[in-house]
Amino acid sequence: MTLVEASWPLLVFVVAGLFSPGPNVVMLTASGARFGFRATVPHLLGVPVGTGLLAAASALGLGAVLLAMPALKLTFQIIAAGWILWLAWRIAQAARAGQATDRGRPFAFLQAVGFQAVNPKIWAVTLAAAAGFGIGLPPVQEALRLFVVFAGVNLCVCLFWTTAGHLLAPVLARPPVWRAFMVTMAVLLALTVILIFAG
């Protein structure tokens, strides 16, 4: 069996895990609508890189270390919840400001990479992939395989949701519709905090 054939179950799992709504999906859709596709590109590229790095780190045992230290896990959960709620508040503020006066800016590349470290959905999917879809490669090769699969799949996912947000922008031109959309995005993002404490 070739490496590609052996990786099909992992690929299917990652597509299902990353395409469904989570913090990245909500933020990229909102950013595409709020700032446009081109301005969101650094954010769009940072997410797959950060996800791939976290998947590789999980394959090398970082996730196991975190799960074995309850105090460290709780600290991570509190920081993650705080950051996600702050981001939701910023999106809600954009709803109040309206498109014409919105002075916010999209995530930079490194911000998007760093956000994956506190993204509960990405932790859950990468830990599950590292634990359940290994094929017996040496650790560094397994980490590289997970990096490639996660980064490649997530790039496609990010392109889809950013484009969807960008295409929605004309529909959102009316201030009441814009406010409703941004508040919905803020609420959805805030609700993802539940994922942090569910595990």
N, C-alpha and C. Protein backbone atom coordinates (compact mmCIF):
# COMPACT_ATOMS: atom_id res chain seq x y z
N MET A 1 0.85 -1.20 0.00
CA MET A 1 0.00 0.00 0.00
C MET A 1 0.88 1.25 0.00
N THR A 2 0.58 2.19 -0.89
CA THR A 2 1.37 3.42 -0.97
C THR A 2 1.02 4.37 0.16
N LEU A 3 1.86 5.38 0.35
CA LEU A 3 1.62 6.39 1.39
C LEU A 3 0.31 7.12 1.14
N VAL A 4 0.02 7.43 -0.13
CA VAL A 4 -1.22 8.13 -0.47
C VAL A 4 -2.43 7.26 -0.14
N GLU A 5 -2.37 5.97 -0.52
CA GLU A 5 -3.49 5.07 -0.23
C GLU A 5 -3.70 4.91 1.27
N ALA A 6 -2.60 4.81 2.02
CA ALA A 6 -2.70 4.65 3.47
C ALA A 6 -3.24 5.90 4.15
N SER A 7 -3.13 7.04 3.48
CA SER A 7 -3.55 8.31 4.08
C SER A 7 -5.00 8.68 3.78
N TRP A 8 -5.71 7.89 2.96
CA TRP A 8 -7.09 8.23 2.63
C TRP A 8 -8.00 8.34 3.85
N PRO A 9 -7.95 7.40 4.80
CA PRO A 9 -8.81 7.57 5.99
C PRO A 9 -8.52 8.86 6.74
N LEU A 10 -7.24 9.23 6.87
CA LEU A 10 -6.87 10.49 7.52
C LEU A 10 -7.45 11.67 6.75
N LEU A 11 -7.33 11.64 5.43
CA LEU A 11 -7.82 12.73 4.59
C LEU A 11 -9.32 12.94 4.76
N VAL A 12 -10.08 11.85 4.74
CA VAL A 12 -11.53 11.93 4.90
C VAL A 12 -11.88 12.52 6.27
N PHE A 13 -11.17 12.05 7.31
CA PHE A 13 -11.41 12.55 8.67
C PHE A 13 -11.12 14.05 8.77
N VAL A 14 -10.01 14.48 8.18
CA VAL A 14 -9.61 15.89 8.27
C VAL A 14 -10.59 16.78 7.50
N VAL A 15 -11.03 16.35 6.33
CA VAL A 15 -12.02 17.13 5.56
C VAL A 15 -13.29 17.31 6.40
N ALA A 16 -13.79 16.21 6.98
CA ALA A 16 -15.01 16.29 7.80
C ALA A 16 -14.79 17.18 9.03
N GLY A 17 -13.61 17.07 9.64
CA GLY A 17 -13.34 17.81 10.86
C GLY A 17 -13.15 19.30 10.64
N LEU A 18 -12.53 19.68 9.52
CA LEU A 18 -12.20 21.09 9.32
C LEU A 18 -13.25 21.88 8.56
N PHE A 19 -14.05 21.21 7.73
CA PHE A 19 -15.01 21.95 6.91
C PHE A 19 -16.21 22.43 7.73
N SER A 20 -16.54 21.72 8.79
CA SER A 20 -17.70 22.09 9.60
C SER A 20 -17.41 23.38 10.38
N PRO A 21 -18.46 24.11 10.77
CA PRO A 21 -18.26 25.40 11.44
C PRO A 21 -17.46 25.30 12.73
N GLY A 22 -16.58 26.25 12.91
CA GLY A 22 -15.74 26.39 14.09
C GLY A 22 -15.21 27.81 14.09
N PRO A 23 -14.32 28.17 15.01
CA PRO A 23 -13.81 29.54 15.05
C PRO A 23 -13.21 30.03 13.75
N ASN A 24 -12.40 29.20 13.07
CA ASN A 24 -11.79 29.65 11.82
C ASN A 24 -12.82 29.93 10.74
N VAL A 25 -13.80 29.03 10.62
CA VAL A 25 -14.84 29.19 9.59
C VAL A 25 -15.61 30.49 9.83
N VAL A 26 -16.01 30.72 11.08
CA VAL A 26 -16.78 31.93 11.42
C VAL A 26 -15.95 33.18 11.13
N MET A 27 -14.69 33.18 11.59
CA MET A 27 -13.85 34.37 11.45
C MET A 27 -13.51 34.66 9.99
N LEU A 28 -13.22 33.63 9.20
CA LEU A 28 -12.88 33.86 7.79
C LEU A 28 -14.10 34.31 6.99
N THR A 29 -15.27 33.74 7.27
CA THR A 29 -16.48 34.17 6.58
C THR A 29 -16.76 35.64 6.91
N ALA A 30 -16.66 35.99 8.19
CA ALA A 30 -16.89 37.38 8.60
C ALA A 30 -15.85 38.31 8.00
N SER A 31 -14.58 37.88 7.97
CA SER A 31 -13.52 38.72 7.42
C SER A 31 -13.68 38.92 5.92
N GLY A 32 -14.06 37.86 5.21
CA GLY A 32 -14.29 37.98 3.77
C GLY A 32 -15.39 38.98 3.47
N ALA A 33 -16.45 38.97 4.28
CA ALA A 33 -17.55 39.91 4.10
C ALA A 33 -17.15 41.32 4.53
N ARG A 34 -16.41 41.42 5.61
CA ARG A 34 -16.09 42.71 6.22
C ARG A 34 -14.97 43.45 5.49
N PHE A 35 -13.91 42.72 5.12
CA PHE A 35 -12.73 43.37 4.54
C PHE A 35 -12.48 43.02 3.08
N GLY A 36 -13.17 41.99 2.55
CA GLY A 36 -12.93 41.56 1.18
C GLY A 36 -11.94 40.41 1.11
N PHE A 37 -11.92 39.74 -0.02
CA PHE A 37 -11.07 38.55 -0.18
C PHE A 37 -9.59 38.89 -0.09
N ARG A 38 -9.16 39.89 -0.86
CA ARG A 38 -7.73 40.19 -0.93
C ARG A 38 -7.15 40.56 0.44
N ALA A 39 -7.86 41.38 1.19
CA ALA A 39 -7.36 41.80 2.50
C ALA A 39 -7.31 40.65 3.49
N THR A 40 -8.11 39.61 3.25
CA THR A 40 -8.18 38.46 4.15
C THR A 40 -7.13 37.40 3.81
N VAL A 41 -6.41 37.55 2.70
CA VAL A 41 -5.45 36.52 2.26
C VAL A 41 -4.41 36.17 3.34
N PRO A 42 -3.78 37.14 4.03
CA PRO A 42 -2.82 36.74 5.08
C PRO A 42 -3.47 35.86 6.16
N HIS A 43 -4.68 36.20 6.56
CA HIS A 43 -5.42 35.38 7.53
C HIS A 43 -5.67 34.00 6.94
N LEU A 44 -6.15 33.98 5.72
CA LEU A 44 -6.47 32.74 5.01
C LEU A 44 -5.26 31.81 4.92
N LEU A 45 -4.07 32.36 4.70
CA LEU A 45 -2.86 31.54 4.59
C LEU A 45 -2.31 31.13 5.96
N GLY A 46 -2.50 31.98 6.95
CA GLY A 46 -1.99 31.67 8.28
C GLY A 46 -2.70 30.51 8.95
N VAL A 47 -3.99 30.36 8.68
CA VAL A 47 -4.77 29.29 9.30
C VAL A 47 -4.23 27.91 8.91
N PRO A 48 -4.04 27.61 7.61
CA PRO A 48 -3.51 26.28 7.26
C PRO A 48 -2.12 26.02 7.81
N VAL A 49 -1.27 27.03 7.81
CA VAL A 49 0.08 26.84 8.34
C VAL A 49 0.03 26.54 9.84
N GLY A 50 -0.76 27.33 10.58
CA GLY A 50 -0.89 27.09 12.01
C GLY A 50 -1.51 25.74 12.33
N THR A 51 -2.51 25.35 11.55
CA THR A 51 -3.16 24.06 11.74
C THR A 51 -2.19 22.92 11.45
N GLY A 52 -1.43 23.06 10.37
CA GLY A 52 -0.45 22.04 10.03
C GLY A 52 0.62 21.90 11.10
N LEU A 53 1.08 23.03 11.64
CA LEU A 53 2.09 22.98 12.70
C LEU A 53 1.55 22.32 13.96
N LEU A 54 0.30 22.62 14.30
CA LEU A 54 -0.29 22.00 15.48
C LEU A 54 -0.48 20.50 15.28
N ALA A 55 -0.88 20.10 14.07
CA ALA A 55 -1.02 18.67 13.76
C ALA A 55 0.33 17.97 13.87
N ALA A 56 1.38 18.59 13.35
CA ALA A 56 2.72 18.01 13.44
C ALA A 56 3.16 17.90 14.89
N ALA A 57 2.90 18.95 15.67
CA ALA A 57 3.28 18.92 17.09
C ALA A 57 2.51 17.83 17.84
N SER A 58 1.25 17.63 17.48
CA SER A 58 0.46 16.58 18.12
C SER A 58 1.05 15.21 17.80
N ALA A 59 1.49 15.03 16.56
CA ALA A 59 2.11 13.75 16.17
C ALA A 59 3.41 13.51 16.92
N LEU A 60 4.08 14.59 17.32
CA LEU A 60 5.34 14.47 18.06
C LEU A 60 5.15 14.39 19.57
N GLY A 61 3.88 14.43 20.03
CA GLY A 61 3.60 14.21 21.45
C GLY A 61 3.21 15.43 22.26
N LEU A 62 3.12 16.61 21.64
CA LEU A 62 2.77 17.81 22.41
C LEU A 62 1.39 17.71 23.05
N GLY A 63 0.44 17.18 22.29
CA GLY A 63 -0.92 17.04 22.81
C GLY A 63 -0.97 16.14 24.04
N ALA A 64 -0.18 15.06 24.01
CA ALA A 64 -0.16 14.14 25.15
C ALA A 64 0.38 14.83 26.40
N VAL A 65 1.37 15.69 26.22
CA VAL A 65 1.94 16.43 27.35
C VAL A 65 0.87 17.35 27.95
N LEU A 66 0.15 18.06 27.10
CA LEU A 66 -0.89 18.97 27.58
C LEU A 66 -1.97 18.22 28.35
N LEU A 67 -2.40 17.09 27.81
CA LEU A 67 -3.48 16.32 28.44
C LEU A 67 -3.03 15.67 29.75
N ALA A 68 -1.73 15.43 29.89
CA ALA A 68 -1.21 14.79 31.10
C ALA A 68 -1.01 15.77 32.24
N MET A 69 -1.15 17.08 31.98
CA MET A 69 -0.92 18.10 33.00
C MET A 69 -2.20 18.92 33.17
N PRO A 70 -3.08 18.53 34.10
CA PRO A 70 -4.38 19.21 34.26
C PRO A 70 -4.28 20.72 34.49
N ALA A 71 -3.30 21.18 35.27
CA ALA A 71 -3.18 22.61 35.54
C ALA A 71 -2.85 23.37 34.25
N LEU A 72 -1.96 22.79 33.44
CA LEU A 72 -1.61 23.41 32.16
C LEU A 72 -2.80 23.42 31.21
N LYS A 73 -3.55 22.33 31.22
CA LYS A 73 -4.74 22.24 30.37
C LYS A 73 -5.76 23.31 30.76
N LEU A 74 -6.00 23.49 32.07
CA LEU A 74 -6.97 24.49 32.52
C LEU A 74 -6.51 25.90 32.16
N THR A 75 -5.23 26.17 32.31
CA THR A 75 -4.68 27.48 31.92
C THR A 75 -4.92 27.73 30.44
N PHE A 76 -4.62 26.73 29.61
CA PHE A 76 -4.86 26.83 28.18
C PHE A 76 -6.34 27.11 27.90
N GLN A 77 -7.23 26.40 28.58
CA GLN A 77 -8.67 26.57 28.34
C GLN A 77 -9.13 27.98 28.68
N ILE A 78 -8.65 28.52 29.78
CA ILE A 78 -9.05 29.87 30.19
C ILE A 78 -8.54 30.92 29.20
N ILE A 79 -7.28 30.78 28.78
CA ILE A 79 -6.71 31.72 27.80
C ILE A 79 -7.47 31.63 26.48
N ALA A 80 -7.74 30.41 26.04
CA ALA A 80 -8.46 30.21 24.78
C ALA A 80 -9.85 30.82 24.84
N ALA A 81 -10.57 30.58 25.93
CA ALA A 81 -11.92 31.12 26.07
C ALA A 81 -11.90 32.64 26.07
N GLY A 82 -10.95 33.22 26.81
CA GLY A 82 -10.84 34.67 26.86
C GLY A 82 -10.57 35.29 25.51
N TRP A 83 -9.65 34.69 24.76
CA TRP A 83 -9.30 35.24 23.45
C TRP A 83 -10.47 35.13 22.48
N ILE A 84 -11.14 33.99 22.46
CA ILE A 84 -12.27 33.81 21.54
C ILE A 84 -13.41 34.77 21.89
N LEU A 85 -13.69 34.95 23.17
CA LEU A 85 -14.75 35.89 23.56
C LEU A 85 -14.38 37.32 23.21
N TRP A 86 -13.11 37.67 23.34
CA TRP A 86 -12.65 39.01 22.95
C TRP A 86 -12.83 39.21 21.45
N LEU A 87 -12.49 38.20 20.65
CA LEU A 87 -12.67 38.30 19.20
C LEU A 87 -14.15 38.42 18.83
N ALA A 88 -15.00 37.68 19.53
CA ALA A 88 -16.44 37.78 19.29
C ALA A 88 -16.93 39.19 19.60
N TRP A 89 -16.43 39.77 20.70
CA TRP A 89 -16.80 41.13 21.06
C TRP A 89 -16.38 42.11 19.97
N ARG A 90 -15.17 41.92 19.39
CA ARG A 90 -14.70 42.81 18.31
C ARG A 90 -15.60 42.71 17.08
N ILE A 91 -16.05 41.50 16.76
CA ILE A 91 -16.97 41.34 15.63
C ILE A 91 -18.30 42.02 15.93
N ALA A 92 -18.78 41.89 17.15
CA ALA A 92 -20.03 42.56 17.54
C ALA A 92 -19.88 44.07 17.47
N GLN A 93 -18.71 44.59 17.82
CA GLN A 93 -18.46 46.03 17.71
C GLN A 93 -18.52 46.49 16.25
N ALA A 94 -18.04 45.64 15.34
CA ALA A 94 -18.13 45.98 13.91
C ALA A 94 -19.59 46.06 13.47
N ALA A 95 -20.44 45.24 14.07
CA ALA A 95 -21.87 45.30 13.74
C ALA A 95 -22.45 46.63 14.17
N ARG A 96 -22.04 47.13 15.33
CA ARG A 96 -22.54 48.42 15.81
C ARG A 96 -22.02 49.57 14.97
N ALA A 97 -20.75 49.46 14.54
CA ALA A 97 -20.15 50.56 13.78
C ALA A 97 -20.76 50.69 12.40
N GLY A 98 -21.05 49.54 11.78
CA GLY A 98 -21.52 49.58 10.40
C GLY A 98 -20.35 49.59 9.44
N GLN A 99 -20.60 49.16 8.19
CA GLN A 99 -19.54 49.02 7.20
C GLN A 99 -18.80 50.32 6.93
N ALA A 100 -19.52 51.41 6.83
CA ALA A 100 -18.90 52.66 6.40
C ALA A 100 -17.88 53.18 7.40
N THR A 101 -18.08 52.91 8.69
CA THR A 101 -17.18 53.45 9.71
C THR A 101 -16.33 52.37 10.37
N ASP A 102 -16.34 51.16 9.83
CA ASP A 102 -15.59 50.05 10.42
C ASP A 102 -14.09 50.28 10.23
N ARG A 103 -13.37 50.52 11.32
CA ARG A 103 -11.94 50.77 11.24
C ARG A 103 -11.11 49.56 11.65
N GLY A 104 -11.74 48.41 11.77
CA GLY A 104 -11.00 47.20 12.12
C GLY A 104 -10.10 46.75 10.99
N ARG A 105 -9.37 45.69 11.23
CA ARG A 105 -8.53 45.13 10.18
C ARG A 105 -8.48 43.62 10.35
N PRO A 106 -8.25 42.90 9.26
CA PRO A 106 -8.23 41.44 9.35
C PRO A 106 -6.98 40.94 10.08
N PHE A 107 -7.02 39.69 10.48
CA PHE A 107 -5.86 39.06 11.10
C PHE A 107 -4.66 39.13 10.15
N ALA A 108 -3.48 39.36 10.71
CA ALA A 108 -2.23 39.21 9.96
C ALA A 108 -1.88 37.72 9.92
N PHE A 109 -0.92 37.37 9.08
CA PHE A 109 -0.51 35.97 8.90
C PHE A 109 -0.12 35.33 10.24
N LEU A 110 0.77 35.98 10.99
CA LEU A 110 1.26 35.39 12.23
C LEU A 110 0.17 35.33 13.30
N GLN A 111 -0.76 36.28 13.30
CA GLN A 111 -1.89 36.21 14.22
C GLN A 111 -2.74 34.97 13.94
N ALA A 112 -2.97 34.70 12.66
CA ALA A 112 -3.77 33.54 12.28
C ALA A 112 -3.04 32.24 12.63
N VAL A 113 -1.72 32.21 12.43
CA VAL A 113 -0.94 31.04 12.82
C VAL A 113 -1.06 30.83 14.33
N GLY A 114 -0.84 31.89 15.10
CA GLY A 114 -0.87 31.80 16.55
C GLY A 114 -2.24 31.44 17.10
N PHE A 115 -3.31 31.89 16.43
CA PHE A 115 -4.66 31.62 16.92
C PHE A 115 -4.94 30.13 16.99
N GLN A 116 -4.30 29.33 16.15
CA GLN A 116 -4.57 27.89 16.14
C GLN A 116 -4.18 27.24 17.46
N ALA A 117 -3.23 27.85 18.17
CA ALA A 117 -2.80 27.29 19.45
C ALA A 117 -3.87 27.38 20.52
N VAL A 118 -4.86 28.27 20.35
CA VAL A 118 -5.96 28.38 21.31
C VAL A 118 -7.31 28.04 20.67
N ASN A 119 -7.26 27.39 19.53
CA ASN A 119 -8.49 27.02 18.83
C ASN A 119 -8.89 25.61 19.27
N PRO A 120 -9.95 25.47 20.06
CA PRO A 120 -10.30 24.16 20.61
C PRO A 120 -10.65 23.13 19.55
N LYS A 121 -11.27 23.57 18.49
CA LYS A 121 -11.65 22.62 17.45
C LYS A 121 -10.40 22.03 16.79
N ILE A 122 -9.41 22.86 16.52
CA ILE A 122 -8.19 22.37 15.87
C ILE A 122 -7.45 21.42 16.81
N TRP A 123 -7.40 21.73 18.10
CA TRP A 123 -6.78 20.80 19.05
C TRP A 123 -7.49 19.45 19.00
N ALA A 124 -8.81 19.47 19.03
CA ALA A 124 -9.57 18.21 19.05
C ALA A 124 -9.29 17.38 17.80
N VAL A 125 -9.33 18.02 16.64
CA VAL A 125 -9.15 17.28 15.38
C VAL A 125 -7.72 16.78 15.23
N THR A 126 -6.73 17.63 15.57
CA THR A 126 -5.33 17.20 15.41
C THR A 126 -4.97 16.09 16.40
N LEU A 127 -5.46 16.19 17.64
CA LEU A 127 -5.18 15.13 18.62
C LEU A 127 -5.80 13.81 18.19
N ALA A 128 -7.05 13.87 17.70
CA ALA A 128 -7.72 12.65 17.25
C ALA A 128 -6.99 12.04 16.05
N ALA A 129 -6.53 12.89 15.14
CA ALA A 129 -5.81 12.40 13.96
C ALA A 129 -4.49 11.75 14.35
N ALA A 130 -3.76 12.40 15.25
CA ALA A 130 -2.47 11.86 15.68
C ALA A 130 -2.64 10.52 16.41
N ALA A 131 -3.73 10.43 17.20
CA ALA A 131 -3.95 9.21 17.98
C ALA A 131 -4.55 8.08 17.15
N GLY A 132 -5.37 8.41 16.18
CA GLY A 132 -6.14 7.36 15.50
C GLY A 132 -5.80 7.06 14.07
N PHE A 133 -4.95 7.86 13.44
CA PHE A 133 -4.71 7.67 12.01
C PHE A 133 -3.23 7.54 11.65
N GLY A 134 -2.42 7.14 12.62
CA GLY A 134 -1.01 6.89 12.33
C GLY A 134 -0.87 5.65 11.46
N ILE A 135 0.20 5.59 10.68
CA ILE A 135 0.43 4.43 9.82
C ILE A 135 1.80 3.80 10.08
N GLY A 136 2.35 4.07 11.26
CA GLY A 136 3.59 3.41 11.64
C GLY A 136 4.86 4.03 11.10
N LEU A 137 4.79 5.27 10.64
CA LEU A 137 6.00 5.95 10.17
C LEU A 137 6.83 6.42 11.37
N PRO A 138 8.12 6.69 11.16
CA PRO A 138 8.90 7.33 12.22
C PRO A 138 8.25 8.67 12.60
N PRO A 139 8.42 9.12 13.86
CA PRO A 139 7.70 10.31 14.34
C PRO A 139 7.83 11.55 13.45
N VAL A 140 9.03 11.84 12.97
CA VAL A 140 9.21 13.05 12.15
C VAL A 140 8.46 12.91 10.83
N GLN A 141 8.49 11.74 10.22
CA GLN A 141 7.76 11.52 8.97
C GLN A 141 6.26 11.57 9.19
N GLU A 142 5.81 11.01 10.32
CA GLU A 142 4.38 11.07 10.65
C GLU A 142 3.95 12.52 10.86
N ALA A 143 4.79 13.30 11.53
CA ALA A 143 4.49 14.72 11.75
C ALA A 143 4.41 15.46 10.41
N LEU A 144 5.33 15.15 9.50
CA LEU A 144 5.32 15.79 8.18
C LEU A 144 4.06 15.40 7.40
N ARG A 145 3.67 14.13 7.49
CA ARG A 145 2.45 13.67 6.79
C ARG A 145 1.23 14.42 7.33
N LEU A 146 1.12 14.55 8.65
CA LEU A 146 -0.02 15.28 9.21
C LEU A 146 0.02 16.75 8.83
N PHE A 147 1.21 17.34 8.83
CA PHE A 147 1.32 18.74 8.42
C PHE A 147 0.78 18.94 7.00
N VAL A 148 1.23 18.10 6.07
CA VAL A 148 0.83 18.24 4.67
C VAL A 148 -0.68 18.06 4.51
N VAL A 149 -1.24 17.04 5.15
CA VAL A 149 -2.68 16.77 5.01
C VAL A 149 -3.50 17.91 5.63
N PHE A 150 -3.16 18.30 6.85
CA PHE A 150 -3.94 19.36 7.52
C PHE A 150 -3.80 20.70 6.80
N ALA A 151 -2.58 21.07 6.43
CA ALA A 151 -2.38 22.36 5.77
C ALA A 151 -3.07 22.37 4.40
N GLY A 152 -2.95 21.27 3.64
CA GLY A 152 -3.56 21.21 2.31
C GLY A 152 -5.08 21.28 2.36
N VAL A 153 -5.67 20.47 3.24
CA VAL A 153 -7.12 20.47 3.36
C VAL A 153 -7.62 21.81 3.88
N ASN A 154 -6.94 22.34 4.89
CA ASN A 154 -7.42 23.59 5.48
C ASN A 154 -7.28 24.77 4.53
N LEU A 155 -6.29 24.74 3.64
CA LEU A 155 -6.20 25.80 2.64
C LEU A 155 -7.46 25.82 1.77
N CYS A 156 -7.92 24.65 1.35
CA CYS A 156 -9.14 24.58 0.53
C CYS A 156 -10.36 25.04 1.33
N VAL A 157 -10.44 24.63 2.59
CA VAL A 157 -11.55 25.03 3.46
C VAL A 157 -11.56 26.55 3.63
N CYS A 158 -10.38 27.13 3.88
CA CYS A 158 -10.28 28.57 4.09
C CYS A 158 -10.63 29.35 2.82
N LEU A 159 -10.20 28.86 1.68
CA LEU A 159 -10.56 29.50 0.41
C LEU A 159 -12.07 29.51 0.22
N PHE A 160 -12.71 28.39 0.53
CA PHE A 160 -14.17 28.29 0.37
C PHE A 160 -14.89 29.30 1.25
N TRP A 161 -14.58 29.32 2.56
CA TRP A 161 -15.34 30.17 3.47
C TRP A 161 -15.03 31.65 3.30
N THR A 162 -13.79 31.98 2.97
CA THR A 162 -13.46 33.39 2.71
C THR A 162 -14.18 33.88 1.47
N THR A 163 -14.21 33.04 0.44
CA THR A 163 -14.92 33.39 -0.80
C THR A 163 -16.41 33.55 -0.52
N ALA A 164 -16.97 32.65 0.29
CA ALA A 164 -18.40 32.74 0.62
C ALA A 164 -18.70 34.07 1.31
N GLY A 165 -17.85 34.45 2.27
CA GLY A 165 -18.05 35.73 2.93
C GLY A 165 -17.94 36.90 1.97
N HIS A 166 -16.93 36.85 1.11
CA HIS A 166 -16.72 37.92 0.13
C HIS A 166 -17.93 38.05 -0.81
N LEU A 167 -18.47 36.92 -1.25
CA LEU A 167 -19.63 36.95 -2.16
C LEU A 167 -20.89 37.44 -1.46
N LEU A 168 -20.94 37.30 -0.15
CA LEU A 168 -22.10 37.80 0.61
C LEU A 168 -22.09 39.31 0.78
N ALA A 169 -20.92 39.94 0.60
CA ALA A 169 -20.79 41.38 0.89
C ALA A 169 -21.86 42.24 0.21
N PRO A 170 -22.16 42.03 -1.10
CA PRO A 170 -23.21 42.88 -1.71
C PRO A 170 -24.58 42.72 -1.05
N VAL A 171 -24.88 41.51 -0.61
CA VAL A 171 -26.16 41.25 0.06
C VAL A 171 -26.20 41.97 1.41
N LEU A 172 -25.01 42.16 2.00
CA LEU A 172 -24.91 42.77 3.32
C LEU A 172 -24.76 44.28 3.29
N ALA A 173 -24.93 44.88 2.12
CA ALA A 173 -24.70 46.32 1.97
C ALA A 173 -25.67 47.16 2.80
N ARG A 174 -26.88 46.66 3.01
CA ARG A 174 -27.85 47.41 3.82
C ARG A 174 -27.48 47.30 5.29
N PRO A 175 -27.40 48.43 6.01
CA PRO A 175 -26.96 48.41 7.41
C PRO A 175 -27.69 47.42 8.31
N PRO A 176 -29.02 47.27 8.24
CA PRO A 176 -29.67 46.30 9.13
C PRO A 176 -29.23 44.86 8.84
N VAL A 177 -29.05 44.54 7.57
CA VAL A 177 -28.62 43.18 7.19
C VAL A 177 -27.18 42.96 7.67
N TRP A 178 -26.33 43.98 7.47
CA TRP A 178 -24.94 43.90 7.92
C TRP A 178 -24.86 43.66 9.43
N ARG A 179 -25.65 44.42 10.19
CA ARG A 179 -25.63 44.27 11.64
C ARG A 179 -26.09 42.87 12.06
N ALA A 180 -27.15 42.39 11.42
CA ALA A 180 -27.66 41.05 11.75
C ALA A 180 -26.61 39.98 11.44
N PHE A 181 -25.93 40.12 10.31
CA PHE A 181 -24.91 39.14 9.93
C PHE A 181 -23.75 39.15 10.93
N MET A 182 -23.25 40.34 11.26
CA MET A 182 -22.10 40.43 12.15
C MET A 182 -22.44 39.97 13.57
N VAL A 183 -23.63 40.30 14.04
CA VAL A 183 -24.04 39.82 15.36
C VAL A 183 -24.15 38.30 15.35
N THR A 184 -24.70 37.74 14.27
CA THR A 184 -24.79 36.28 14.16
C THR A 184 -23.40 35.65 14.19
N MET A 185 -22.45 36.23 13.44
CA MET A 185 -21.08 35.73 13.44
C MET A 185 -20.45 35.83 14.83
N ALA A 186 -20.71 36.93 15.53
CA ALA A 186 -20.16 37.12 16.88
C ALA A 186 -20.72 36.07 17.84
N VAL A 187 -22.03 35.83 17.76
CA VAL A 187 -22.66 34.85 18.64
C VAL A 187 -22.13 33.44 18.34
N LEU A 188 -22.03 33.10 17.06
CA LEU A 188 -21.51 31.78 16.69
C LEU A 188 -20.08 31.58 17.20
N LEU A 189 -19.27 32.62 17.06
CA LEU A 189 -17.89 32.52 17.55
C LEU A 189 -17.87 32.36 19.06
N ALA A 190 -18.67 33.14 19.77
CA ALA A 190 -18.72 33.04 21.24
C ALA A 190 -19.17 31.65 21.67
N LEU A 191 -20.11 31.05 20.94
CA LEU A 191 -20.61 29.73 21.31
C LEU A 191 -19.54 28.64 21.16
N THR A 192 -18.52 28.87 20.33
CA THR A 192 -17.48 27.85 20.18
C THR A 192 -16.67 27.70 21.47
N VAL A 193 -16.81 28.64 22.41
CA VAL A 193 -16.14 28.50 23.71
C VAL A 193 -16.61 27.22 24.41
N ILE A 194 -17.83 26.80 24.14
CA ILE A 194 -18.35 25.57 24.75
C ILE A 194 -17.43 24.38 24.43
N LEU A 195 -16.86 24.38 23.21
CA LEU A 195 -15.97 23.30 22.81
C LEU A 195 -14.75 23.19 23.71
N ILE A 196 -14.33 24.32 24.26
CA ILE A 196 -13.11 24.34 25.07
C ILE A 196 -13.27 23.51 26.33
N PHE A 197 -14.44 23.58 26.94
CA PHE A 197 -14.64 22.92 28.23
C PHE A 197 -15.44 21.62 28.08
N ALA A 198 -15.72 21.23 26.84
CA ALA A 198 -16.51 20.01 26.61
C ALA A 198 -15.67 18.76 26.74
N GLY A 199 -14.33 18.90 26.53
CA GLY A 199 -13.49 17.70 26.55
C GLY A 199 -12.98 17.34 27.91
